[in-house]
């Protein structure tokens, strides 16, 4: 809530897997919003 706004961990660092950082980006669009468009891939894909 400080001005200027700063970014801090939302939870304990040991509770944040590195994979979750990559998943957060993979599940969002270019504007940072949650990607609601889902595609059901073919079985081999």
ModelCIF file with pLDDT and N, C-alpha, C, O atoms, coordinates in Angstrom:
data_MODEL
#
_entry.id   MODEL 
#
_entity.id                         1 
_entity.type                       polymer 
_entity.pdbx_number_of_molecules   1 
#
_entity_poly.entity_id                      1 
_entity_poly.type                           'polypeptide(L)' 
_entity_poly.nstd_linkage                   no 
_entity_poly.nstd_monomer                   no 
_entity_poly.pdbx_seq_one_letter_code       
;(UNK)(UNK)(UNK)(UNK)(UNK)(UNK)(UNK)(UNK)(UNK)(UNK)(UNK)(UNK)(UNK)(UNK)(UNK)(UNK)
(UNK)(UNK)(UNK)(UNK)(UNK)(UNK)(UNK)(UNK)(UNK)(UNK)(UNK)(UNK)(UNK)(UNK)(UNK)(UNK)
(UNK)(UNK)(UNK)(UNK)(UNK)(UNK)(UNK)(UNK)(UNK)(UNK)(UNK)(UNK)(UNK)
;
_entity_poly.pdbx_seq_one_letter_code_can   XXXXXXXXXXXXXXXXXXXXXXXXXXXXXXXXXXXXXXXXXXXXX 
_entity_poly.pdbx_strand_id                 A 
#
loop_
_entity_poly_seq.entity_id 
_entity_poly_seq.num 
_entity_poly_seq.mon_id 
_entity_poly_seq.hetero 
1 1  UNK n 
1 2  UNK n 
1 3  UNK n 
1 4  UNK n 
1 5  UNK n 
1 6  UNK n 
1 7  UNK n 
1 8  UNK n 
1 9  UNK n 
1 10 UNK n 
1 11 UNK n 
1 12 UNK n 
1 13 UNK n 
1 14 UNK n 
1 15 UNK n 
1 16 UNK n 
1 17 UNK n 
1 18 UNK n 
1 19 UNK n 
1 20 UNK n 
1 21 UNK n 
1 22 UNK n 
1 23 UNK n 
1 24 UNK n 
1 25 UNK n 
1 26 UNK n 
1 27 UNK n 
1 28 UNK n 
1 29 UNK n 
1 30 UNK n 
1 31 UNK n 
1 32 UNK n 
1 33 UNK n 
1 34 UNK n 
1 35 UNK n 
1 36 UNK n 
1 37 UNK n 
1 38 UNK n 
1 39 UNK n 
1 40 UNK n 
1 41 UNK n 
1 42 UNK n 
1 43 UNK n 
1 44 UNK n 
1 45 UNK n 
#
_struct_asym.id          A 
_struct_asym.entity_id   1 
#
loop_
_ma_qa_metric.id 
_ma_qa_metric.mode 
_ma_qa_metric.name 
_ma_qa_metric.software_group_id 
_ma_qa_metric.type 
1 global pLDDT . pLDDT 
2 local  pLDDT . pLDDT 
#
_ma_qa_metric_global.metric_id      1 
_ma_qa_metric_global.metric_value   75.22 
_ma_qa_metric_global.model_id       1 
_ma_qa_metric_global.ordinal_id     1 
#
loop_
_ma_qa_metric_local.label_asym_id 
_ma_qa_metric_local.label_comp_id 
_ma_qa_metric_local.label_seq_id 
_ma_qa_metric_local.metric_id 
_ma_qa_metric_local.metric_value 
_ma_qa_metric_local.model_id 
_ma_qa_metric_local.ordinal_id 
A UNK 1  2 78.00 1 1  
A UNK 2  2 76.00 1 2  
A UNK 3  2 72.00 1 3  
A UNK 4  2 74.00 1 4  
A UNK 5  2 81.00 1 5  
A UNK 6  2 89.00 1 6  
A UNK 7  2 92.00 1 7  
A UNK 8  2 92.00 1 8  
A UNK 9  2 93.00 1 9  
A UNK 10 2 92.00 1 10 
A UNK 11 2 91.00 1 11 
A UNK 12 2 90.00 1 12 
A UNK 13 2 88.00 1 13 
A UNK 14 2 88.00 1 14 
A UNK 15 2 89.00 1 15 
A UNK 16 2 89.00 1 16 
A UNK 17 2 88.00 1 17 
A UNK 18 2 85.00 1 18 
A UNK 19 2 85.00 1 19 
A UNK 20 2 87.00 1 20 
A UNK 21 2 87.00 1 21 
A UNK 22 2 85.00 1 22 
A UNK 23 2 86.00 1 23 
A UNK 24 2 86.00 1 24 
A UNK 25 2 84.00 1 25 
A UNK 26 2 82.00 1 26 
A UNK 27 2 76.00 1 27 
A UNK 28 2 71.00 1 28 
A UNK 29 2 62.00 1 29 
A UNK 30 2 57.00 1 30 
A UNK 31 2 55.00 1 31 
A UNK 32 2 52.00 1 32 
A UNK 33 2 56.00 1 33 
A UNK 34 2 57.00 1 34 
A UNK 35 2 52.00 1 35 
A UNK 36 2 47.00 1 36 
A UNK 37 2 50.00 1 37 
A UNK 38 2 56.00 1 38 
A UNK 39 2 55.00 1 39 
A UNK 40 2 63.00 1 40 
A UNK 41 2 63.00 1 41 
A UNK 42 2 67.00 1 42 
A UNK 43 2 75.00 1 43 
A UNK 44 2 72.00 1 44 
A UNK 45 2 70.00 1 45 
#
loop_
_atom_site.group_PDB 
_atom_site.id 
_atom_site.type_symbol 
_atom_site.label_atom_id 
_atom_site.label_alt_id 
_atom_site.label_comp_id 
_atom_site.label_asym_id 
_atom_site.label_entity_id 
_atom_site.label_seq_id 
_atom_site.pdbx_PDB_ins_code 
_atom_site.Cartn_x 
_atom_site.Cartn_y 
_atom_site.Cartn_z 
_atom_site.occupancy 
_atom_site.B_iso_or_equiv 
_atom_site.pdbx_formal_charge 
_atom_site.auth_seq_id 
_atom_site.auth_comp_id 
_atom_site.auth_asym_id 
_atom_site.auth_atom_id 
_atom_site.pdbx_PDB_model_num 
ATOM 1   N N  . UNK A 1 1  ? 0.816   -1.216  0.000   1.00 78.00 ? 1  UNK A N  1 
ATOM 2   C CA . UNK A 1 1  ? 0.000   0.000   0.000   1.00 78.00 ? 1  UNK A CA 1 
ATOM 3   C C  . UNK A 1 1  ? 0.845   1.261   0.000   1.00 78.00 ? 1  UNK A C  1 
ATOM 4   O O  . UNK A 1 1  ? 0.304   2.364   -0.068  1.00 78.00 ? 1  UNK A O  1 
ATOM 5   N N  . UNK A 1 2  ? 2.171   1.117   0.076   1.00 76.00 ? 2  UNK A N  1 
ATOM 6   C CA . UNK A 1 2  ? 3.054   2.279   0.107   1.00 76.00 ? 2  UNK A CA 1 
ATOM 7   C C  . UNK A 1 2  ? 3.046   2.986   -1.246  1.00 76.00 ? 2  UNK A C  1 
ATOM 8   O O  . UNK A 1 2  ? 2.638   2.419   -2.260  1.00 76.00 ? 2  UNK A O  1 
ATOM 9   N N  . UNK A 1 3  ? 3.500   4.224   -1.239  1.00 72.00 ? 3  UNK A N  1 
ATOM 10  C CA . UNK A 1 3  ? 3.610   4.961   -2.486  1.00 72.00 ? 3  UNK A CA 1 
ATOM 11  C C  . UNK A 1 3  ? 5.050   5.408   -2.678  1.00 72.00 ? 3  UNK A C  1 
ATOM 12  O O  . UNK A 1 3  ? 5.548   6.137   -1.820  1.00 72.00 ? 3  UNK A O  1 
ATOM 13  N N  . UNK A 1 4  ? 5.742   5.037   -3.714  1.00 74.00 ? 4  UNK A N  1 
ATOM 14  C CA . UNK A 1 4  ? 5.247   4.224   -4.826  1.00 74.00 ? 4  UNK A CA 1 
ATOM 15  C C  . UNK A 1 4  ? 5.047   2.772   -4.414  1.00 74.00 ? 4  UNK A C  1 
ATOM 16  O O  . UNK A 1 4  ? 5.697   2.277   -3.494  1.00 74.00 ? 4  UNK A O  1 
ATOM 17  N N  . UNK A 1 5  ? 4.143   2.106   -5.107  1.00 81.00 ? 5  UNK A N  1 
ATOM 18  C CA . UNK A 1 5  ? 3.843   0.718   -4.789  1.00 81.00 ? 5  UNK A CA 1 
ATOM 19  C C  . UNK A 1 5  ? 5.064   -0.164  -5.019  1.00 81.00 ? 5  UNK A C  1 
ATOM 20  O O  . UNK A 1 5  ? 5.810   0.019   -5.981  1.00 81.00 ? 5  UNK A O  1 
ATOM 21  N N  . UNK A 1 6  ? 5.253   -1.121  -4.120  1.00 89.00 ? 6  UNK A N  1 
ATOM 22  C CA . UNK A 1 6  ? 6.361   -2.059  -4.224  1.00 89.00 ? 6  UNK A CA 1 
ATOM 23  C C  . UNK A 1 6  ? 5.811   -3.477  -4.259  1.00 89.00 ? 6  UNK A C  1 
ATOM 24  O O  . UNK A 1 6  ? 4.679   -3.726  -3.843  1.00 89.00 ? 6  UNK A O  1 
ATOM 25  N N  . UNK A 1 7  ? 6.617   -4.399  -4.757  1.00 92.00 ? 7  UNK A N  1 
ATOM 26  C CA . UNK A 1 7  ? 6.201   -5.791  -4.883  1.00 92.00 ? 7  UNK A CA 1 
ATOM 27  C C  . UNK A 1 7  ? 6.973   -6.640  -3.877  1.00 92.00 ? 7  UNK A C  1 
ATOM 28  O O  . UNK A 1 7  ? 8.199   -6.573  -3.789  1.00 92.00 ? 7  UNK A O  1 
ATOM 29  N N  . UNK A 1 8  ? 6.221   -7.442  -3.120  1.00 92.00 ? 8  UNK A N  1 
ATOM 30  C CA . UNK A 1 8  ? 6.798   -8.342  -2.123  1.00 92.00 ? 8  UNK A CA 1 
ATOM 31  C C  . UNK A 1 8  ? 6.206   -9.729  -2.342  1.00 92.00 ? 8  UNK A C  1 
ATOM 32  O O  . UNK A 1 8  ? 5.184   -9.860  -3.016  1.00 92.00 ? 8  UNK A O  1 
ATOM 33  N N  . UNK A 1 9  ? 6.837   -10.782 -1.778  1.00 93.00 ? 9  UNK A N  1 
ATOM 34  C CA . UNK A 1 9  ? 6.260   -12.128 -1.942  1.00 93.00 ? 9  UNK A CA 1 
ATOM 35  C C  . UNK A 1 9  ? 4.865   -12.212 -1.329  1.00 93.00 ? 9  UNK A C  1 
ATOM 36  O O  . UNK A 1 9  ? 4.617   -11.670 -0.252  1.00 93.00 ? 9  UNK A O  1 
ATOM 37  N N  . UNK A 1 10 ? 3.968   -12.889 -2.020  1.00 92.00 ? 10 UNK A N  1 
ATOM 38  C CA . UNK A 1 10 ? 2.601   -13.041 -1.519  1.00 92.00 ? 10 UNK A CA 1 
ATOM 39  C C  . UNK A 1 10 ? 2.522   -14.087 -0.415  1.00 92.00 ? 10 UNK A C  1 
ATOM 40  O O  . UNK A 1 10 ? 1.560   -14.102 0.353   1.00 92.00 ? 10 UNK A O  1 
ATOM 41  N N  . UNK A 1 11 ? 3.521   -14.962 -0.326  1.00 91.00 ? 11 UNK A N  1 
ATOM 42  C CA . UNK A 1 11 ? 3.586   -15.993 0.715   1.00 91.00 ? 11 UNK A CA 1 
ATOM 43  C C  . UNK A 1 11 ? 5.042   -16.345 0.948   1.00 91.00 ? 11 UNK A C  1 
ATOM 44  O O  . UNK A 1 11 ? 5.930   -15.781 0.308   1.00 91.00 ? 11 UNK A O  1 
ATOM 45  N N  . UNK A 1 12 ? 5.291   -17.267 1.854   1.00 90.00 ? 12 UNK A N  1 
ATOM 46  C CA . UNK A 1 12 ? 6.663   -17.646 2.160   1.00 90.00 ? 12 UNK A CA 1 
ATOM 47  C C  . UNK A 1 12 ? 7.375   -18.140 0.906   1.00 90.00 ? 12 UNK A C  1 
ATOM 48  O O  . UNK A 1 12 ? 6.791   -18.866 0.102   1.00 90.00 ? 12 UNK A O  1 
ATOM 49  N N  . UNK A 1 13 ? 8.630   -17.748 0.740   1.00 88.00 ? 13 UNK A N  1 
ATOM 50  C CA . UNK A 1 13 ? 9.371   -18.113 -0.470  1.00 88.00 ? 13 UNK A CA 1 
ATOM 51  C C  . UNK A 1 13 ? 9.487   -19.620 -0.645  1.00 88.00 ? 13 UNK A C  1 
ATOM 52  O O  . UNK A 1 13 ? 9.458   -20.121 -1.769  1.00 88.00 ? 13 UNK A O  1 
ATOM 53  N N  . UNK A 1 14 ? 9.619   -20.351 0.475   1.00 88.00 ? 14 UNK A N  1 
ATOM 54  C CA . UNK A 1 14 ? 9.739   -21.807 0.368   1.00 88.00 ? 14 UNK A CA 1 
ATOM 55  C C  . UNK A 1 14 ? 8.422   -22.461 -0.037  1.00 88.00 ? 14 UNK A C  1 
ATOM 56  O O  . UNK A 1 14 ? 8.386   -23.650 -0.355  1.00 88.00 ? 14 UNK A O  1 
ATOM 57  N N  . UNK A 1 15 ? 7.333   -21.677 -0.024  1.00 89.00 ? 15 UNK A N  1 
ATOM 58  C CA . UNK A 1 15 ? 6.043   -22.209 -0.445  1.00 89.00 ? 15 UNK A CA 1 
ATOM 59  C C  . UNK A 1 15 ? 5.707   -21.842 -1.882  1.00 89.00 ? 15 UNK A C  1 
ATOM 60  O O  . UNK A 1 15 ? 4.592   -22.085 -2.344  1.00 89.00 ? 15 UNK A O  1 
ATOM 61  N N  . UNK A 1 16 ? 6.673   -21.256 -2.594  1.00 89.00 ? 16 UNK A N  1 
ATOM 62  C CA . UNK A 1 16 ? 6.447   -20.851 -3.988  1.00 89.00 ? 16 UNK A CA 1 
ATOM 63  C C  . UNK A 1 16 ? 7.352   -21.693 -4.886  1.00 89.00 ? 16 UNK A C  1 
ATOM 64  O O  . UNK A 1 16 ? 8.534   -21.373 -5.015  1.00 89.00 ? 16 UNK A O  1 
ATOM 65  N N  . UNK A 1 17 ? 6.846   -22.749 -5.507  1.00 88.00 ? 17 UNK A N  1 
ATOM 66  C CA . UNK A 1 17 ? 7.666   -23.540 -6.432  1.00 88.00 ? 17 UNK A CA 1 
ATOM 67  C C  . UNK A 1 17 ? 8.044   -22.717 -7.665  1.00 88.00 ? 17 UNK A C  1 
ATOM 68  O O  . UNK A 1 17 ? 7.264   -21.884 -8.127  1.00 88.00 ? 17 UNK A O  1 
ATOM 69  N N  . UNK A 1 18 ? 9.228   -22.953 -8.182  1.00 85.00 ? 18 UNK A N  1 
ATOM 70  C CA . UNK A 1 18 ? 9.657   -22.265 -9.398  1.00 85.00 ? 18 UNK A CA 1 
ATOM 71  C C  . UNK A 1 18 ? 8.705   -22.592 -10.543 1.00 85.00 ? 18 UNK A C  1 
ATOM 72  O O  . UNK A 1 18 ? 8.432   -21.742 -11.391 1.00 85.00 ? 18 UNK A O  1 
ATOM 73  N N  . UNK A 1 19 ? 8.207   -23.811 -10.569 1.00 85.00 ? 19 UNK A N  1 
ATOM 74  C CA . UNK A 1 19 ? 7.287   -24.212 -11.640 1.00 85.00 ? 19 UNK A CA 1 
ATOM 75  C C  . UNK A 1 19 ? 6.016   -23.368 -11.640 1.00 85.00 ? 19 UNK A C  1 
ATOM 76  O O  . UNK A 1 19 ? 5.429   -23.133 -12.696 1.00 85.00 ? 19 UNK A O  1 
ATOM 77  N N  . UNK A 1 20 ? 5.583   -22.904 -10.445 1.00 87.00 ? 20 UNK A N  1 
ATOM 78  C CA . UNK A 1 20 ? 4.358   -22.094 -10.386 1.00 87.00 ? 20 UNK A CA 1 
ATOM 79  C C  . UNK A 1 20 ? 4.541   -20.750 -11.067 1.00 87.00 ? 20 UNK A C  1 
ATOM 80  O O  . UNK A 1 20 ? 3.574   -20.187 -11.579 1.00 87.00 ? 20 UNK A O  1 
ATOM 81  N N  . UNK A 1 21 ? 5.763   -20.220 -11.086 1.00 87.00 ? 21 UNK A N  1 
ATOM 82  C CA . UNK A 1 21 ? 6.026   -18.964 -11.794 1.00 87.00 ? 21 UNK A CA 1 
ATOM 83  C C  . UNK A 1 21 ? 5.824   -19.156 -13.293 1.00 87.00 ? 21 UNK A C  1 
ATOM 84  O O  . UNK A 1 21 ? 5.197   -18.330 -13.956 1.00 87.00 ? 21 UNK A O  1 
ATOM 85  N N  . UNK A 1 22 ? 6.360   -20.248 -13.817 1.00 85.00 ? 22 UNK A N  1 
ATOM 86  C CA . UNK A 1 22 ? 6.187   -20.531 -15.247 1.00 85.00 ? 22 UNK A CA 1 
ATOM 87  C C  . UNK A 1 22 ? 4.736   -20.831 -15.585 1.00 85.00 ? 22 UNK A C  1 
ATOM 88  O O  . UNK A 1 22 ? 4.246   -20.430 -16.641 1.00 85.00 ? 22 UNK A O  1 
ATOM 89  N N  . UNK A 1 23 ? 4.038   -21.545 -14.680 1.00 86.00 ? 23 UNK A N  1 
ATOM 90  C CA . UNK A 1 23 ? 2.623   -21.846 -14.924 1.00 86.00 ? 23 UNK A CA 1 
ATOM 91  C C  . UNK A 1 23 ? 1.785   -20.576 -14.942 1.00 86.00 ? 23 UNK A C  1 
ATOM 92  O O  . UNK A 1 23 ? 0.832   -20.473 -15.714 1.00 86.00 ? 23 UNK A O  1 
ATOM 93  N N  . UNK A 1 24 ? 2.134   -19.599 -14.089 1.00 86.00 ? 24 UNK A N  1 
ATOM 94  C CA . UNK A 1 24 ? 1.369   -18.342 -14.032 1.00 86.00 ? 24 UNK A CA 1 
ATOM 95  C C  . UNK A 1 24 ? 1.417   -17.619 -15.372 1.00 86.00 ? 24 UNK A C  1 
ATOM 96  O O  . UNK A 1 24 ? 0.423   -17.037 -15.806 1.00 86.00 ? 24 UNK A O  1 
ATOM 97  N N  . UNK A 1 25 ? 2.582   -17.658 -16.028 1.00 84.00 ? 25 UNK A N  1 
ATOM 98  C CA . UNK A 1 25 ? 2.718   -16.997 -17.324 1.00 84.00 ? 25 UNK A CA 1 
ATOM 99  C C  . UNK A 1 25 ? 2.057   -17.818 -18.424 1.00 84.00 ? 25 UNK A C  1 
ATOM 100 O O  . UNK A 1 25 ? 1.446   -17.261 -19.336 1.00 84.00 ? 25 UNK A O  1 
ATOM 101 N N  . UNK A 1 26 ? 2.178   -19.140 -18.340 1.00 82.00 ? 26 UNK A N  1 
ATOM 102 C CA . UNK A 1 26 ? 1.585   -20.000 -19.369 1.00 82.00 ? 26 UNK A CA 1 
ATOM 103 C C  . UNK A 1 26 ? 0.071   -19.910 -19.383 1.00 82.00 ? 26 UNK A C  1 
ATOM 104 O O  . UNK A 1 26 ? -0.553  -20.093 -20.429 1.00 82.00 ? 26 UNK A O  1 
ATOM 105 N N  . UNK A 1 27 ? -0.533  -19.627 -18.218 1.00 76.00 ? 27 UNK A N  1 
ATOM 106 C CA . UNK A 1 27 ? -1.991  -19.587 -18.112 1.00 76.00 ? 27 UNK A CA 1 
ATOM 107 C C  . UNK A 1 27 ? -2.563  -18.181 -18.261 1.00 76.00 ? 27 UNK A C  1 
ATOM 108 O O  . UNK A 1 27 ? -3.747  -17.973 -17.995 1.00 76.00 ? 27 UNK A O  1 
ATOM 109 N N  . UNK A 1 28 ? -1.746  -17.208 -18.681 1.00 71.00 ? 28 UNK A N  1 
ATOM 110 C CA . UNK A 1 28 ? -2.223  -15.841 -18.870 1.00 71.00 ? 28 UNK A CA 1 
ATOM 111 C C  . UNK A 1 28 ? -1.947  -15.400 -20.301 1.00 71.00 ? 28 UNK A C  1 
ATOM 112 O O  . UNK A 1 28 ? -1.099  -15.969 -20.989 1.00 71.00 ? 28 UNK A O  1 
ATOM 113 N N  . UNK A 1 29 ? -2.674  -14.381 -20.733 1.00 62.00 ? 29 UNK A N  1 
ATOM 114 C CA . UNK A 1 29 ? -2.458  -13.865 -22.081 1.00 62.00 ? 29 UNK A CA 1 
ATOM 115 C C  . UNK A 1 29 ? -1.424  -12.753 -22.045 1.00 62.00 ? 29 UNK A C  1 
ATOM 116 O O  . UNK A 1 29 ? -0.797  -12.514 -21.013 1.00 62.00 ? 29 UNK A O  1 
ATOM 117 N N  . UNK A 1 30 ? -1.243  -12.068 -23.184 1.00 57.00 ? 30 UNK A N  1 
ATOM 118 C CA . UNK A 1 30 ? -0.212  -11.037 -23.277 1.00 57.00 ? 30 UNK A CA 1 
ATOM 119 C C  . UNK A 1 30 ? -0.494  -9.848  -22.379 1.00 57.00 ? 30 UNK A C  1 
ATOM 120 O O  . UNK A 1 30 ? 0.428   -9.118  -22.015 1.00 57.00 ? 30 UNK A O  1 
ATOM 121 N N  . UNK A 1 31 ? -1.753  -9.639  -22.014 1.00 55.00 ? 31 UNK A N  1 
ATOM 122 C CA . UNK A 1 31 ? -2.115  -8.522  -21.157 1.00 55.00 ? 31 UNK A CA 1 
ATOM 123 C C  . UNK A 1 31 ? -2.120  -8.892  -19.686 1.00 55.00 ? 31 UNK A C  1 
ATOM 124 O O  . UNK A 1 31 ? -2.526  -8.089  -18.846 1.00 55.00 ? 31 UNK A O  1 
ATOM 125 N N  . UNK A 1 32 ? -1.671  -10.109 -19.361 1.00 52.00 ? 32 UNK A N  1 
ATOM 126 C CA . UNK A 1 32 ? -1.608  -10.520 -17.967 1.00 52.00 ? 32 UNK A CA 1 
ATOM 127 C C  . UNK A 1 32 ? -2.900  -11.071 -17.419 1.00 52.00 ? 32 UNK A C  1 
ATOM 128 O O  . UNK A 1 32 ? -2.954  -11.488 -16.262 1.00 52.00 ? 32 UNK A O  1 
ATOM 129 N N  . UNK A 1 33 ? -3.952  -11.081 -18.235 1.00 56.00 ? 33 UNK A N  1 
ATOM 130 C CA . UNK A 1 33 ? -5.235  -11.604 -17.770 1.00 56.00 ? 33 UNK A CA 1 
ATOM 131 C C  . UNK A 1 33 ? -5.264  -13.122 -17.898 1.00 56.00 ? 33 UNK A C  1 
ATOM 132 O O  . UNK A 1 33 ? -4.508  -13.716 -18.666 1.00 56.00 ? 33 UNK A O  1 
ATOM 133 N N  . UNK A 1 34 ? -6.148  -13.726 -17.132 1.00 57.00 ? 34 UNK A N  1 
ATOM 134 C CA . UNK A 1 34 ? -6.264  -15.178 -17.193 1.00 57.00 ? 34 UNK A CA 1 
ATOM 135 C C  . UNK A 1 34 ? -6.763  -15.592 -18.566 1.00 57.00 ? 34 UNK A C  1 
ATOM 136 O O  . UNK A 1 34 ? -7.750  -15.056 -19.070 1.00 57.00 ? 34 UNK A O  1 
ATOM 137 N N  . UNK A 1 35 ? -6.082  -16.538 -19.157 1.00 52.00 ? 35 UNK A N  1 
ATOM 138 C CA . UNK A 1 35 ? -6.426  -16.996 -20.511 1.00 52.00 ? 35 UNK A CA 1 
ATOM 139 C C  . UNK A 1 35 ? -7.636  -17.923 -20.429 1.00 52.00 ? 35 UNK A C  1 
ATOM 140 O O  . UNK A 1 35 ? -7.529  -19.088 -20.045 1.00 52.00 ? 35 UNK A O  1 
ATOM 141 N N  . UNK A 1 36 ? -8.795  -17.366 -20.805 1.00 47.00 ? 36 UNK A N  1 
ATOM 142 C CA . UNK A 1 36 ? -10.038 -18.142 -20.705 1.00 47.00 ? 36 UNK A CA 1 
ATOM 143 C C  . UNK A 1 36 ? -10.281 -19.009 -21.931 1.00 47.00 ? 36 UNK A C  1 
ATOM 144 O O  . UNK A 1 36 ? -11.190 -19.840 -21.933 1.00 47.00 ? 36 UNK A O  1 
ATOM 145 N N  . UNK A 1 37 ? -9.480  -18.824 -22.967 1.00 50.00 ? 37 UNK A N  1 
ATOM 146 C CA . UNK A 1 37 ? -9.673  -19.583 -24.202 1.00 50.00 ? 37 UNK A CA 1 
ATOM 147 C C  . UNK A 1 37 ? -8.947  -20.920 -24.078 1.00 50.00 ? 37 UNK A C  1 
ATOM 148 O O  . UNK A 1 37 ? -7.722  -20.955 -23.962 1.00 50.00 ? 37 UNK A O  1 
ATOM 149 N N  . UNK A 1 38 ? -9.677  -21.987 -24.101 1.00 56.00 ? 38 UNK A N  1 
ATOM 150 C CA . UNK A 1 38 ? -9.072  -23.317 -23.940 1.00 56.00 ? 38 UNK A CA 1 
ATOM 151 C C  . UNK A 1 38 ? -9.351  -24.169 -25.181 1.00 56.00 ? 38 UNK A C  1 
ATOM 152 O O  . UNK A 1 38 ? -10.410 -24.065 -25.801 1.00 56.00 ? 38 UNK A O  1 
ATOM 153 N N  . UNK A 1 39 ? -8.395  -24.997 -25.521 1.00 55.00 ? 39 UNK A N  1 
ATOM 154 C CA . UNK A 1 39 ? -8.505  -25.873 -26.681 1.00 55.00 ? 39 UNK A CA 1 
ATOM 155 C C  . UNK A 1 39 ? -8.297  -27.305 -26.216 1.00 55.00 ? 39 UNK A C  1 
ATOM 156 O O  . UNK A 1 39 ? -7.358  -27.600 -25.476 1.00 55.00 ? 39 UNK A O  1 
ATOM 157 N N  . UNK A 1 40 ? -9.182  -28.192 -26.657 1.00 63.00 ? 40 UNK A N  1 
ATOM 158 C CA . UNK A 1 40 ? -9.023  -29.610 -26.339 1.00 63.00 ? 40 UNK A CA 1 
ATOM 159 C C  . UNK A 1 40 ? -8.123  -30.241 -27.394 1.00 63.00 ? 40 UNK A C  1 
ATOM 160 O O  . UNK A 1 40 ? -8.545  -30.408 -28.538 1.00 63.00 ? 40 UNK A O  1 
ATOM 161 N N  . UNK A 1 41 ? -6.877  -30.599 -27.028 1.00 63.00 ? 41 UNK A N  1 
ATOM 162 C CA . UNK A 1 41 ? -5.945  -31.103 -28.045 1.00 63.00 ? 41 UNK A CA 1 
ATOM 163 C C  . UNK A 1 41 ? -6.273  -32.529 -28.463 1.00 63.00 ? 41 UNK A C  1 
ATOM 164 O O  . UNK A 1 41 ? -6.955  -33.263 -27.748 1.00 63.00 ? 41 UNK A O  1 
ATOM 165 N N  . UNK A 1 42 ? -5.782  -32.900 -29.619 1.00 67.00 ? 42 UNK A N  1 
ATOM 166 C CA . UNK A 1 42 ? -5.886  -34.272 -30.103 1.00 67.00 ? 42 UNK A CA 1 
ATOM 167 C C  . UNK A 1 42 ? -5.078  -35.172 -29.163 1.00 67.00 ? 42 UNK A C  1 
ATOM 168 O O  . UNK A 1 42 ? -4.149  -34.702 -28.507 1.00 67.00 ? 42 UNK A O  1 
ATOM 169 N N  . UNK A 1 43 ? -5.420  -36.446 -29.093 1.00 75.00 ? 43 UNK A N  1 
ATOM 170 C CA . UNK A 1 43 ? -4.871  -37.356 -28.084 1.00 75.00 ? 43 UNK A CA 1 
ATOM 171 C C  . UNK A 1 43 ? -3.345  -37.384 -28.115 1.00 75.00 ? 43 UNK A C  1 
ATOM 172 O O  . UNK A 1 43 ? -2.704  -37.340 -27.064 1.00 75.00 ? 43 UNK A O  1 
ATOM 173 N N  . UNK A 1 44 ? -2.756  -37.456 -29.312 1.00 72.00 ? 44 UNK A N  1 
ATOM 174 C CA . UNK A 1 44 ? -1.294  -37.521 -29.383 1.00 72.00 ? 44 UNK A CA 1 
ATOM 175 C C  . UNK A 1 44 ? -0.658  -36.214 -28.916 1.00 72.00 ? 44 UNK A C  1 
ATOM 176 O O  . UNK A 1 44 ? 0.385   -36.225 -28.263 1.00 72.00 ? 44 UNK A O  1 
ATOM 177 N N  . UNK A 1 45 ? -1.298  -35.074 -29.257 1.00 70.00 ? 45 UNK A N  1 
ATOM 178 C CA . UNK A 1 45 ? -0.787  -33.774 -28.802 1.00 70.00 ? 45 UNK A CA 1 
ATOM 179 C C  . UNK A 1 45 ? -0.910  -33.664 -27.284 1.00 70.00 ? 45 UNK A C  1 
ATOM 180 O O  . UNK A 1 45 ? -0.534  -32.644 -26.707 1.00 70.00 ? 45 UNK A O  1 
#
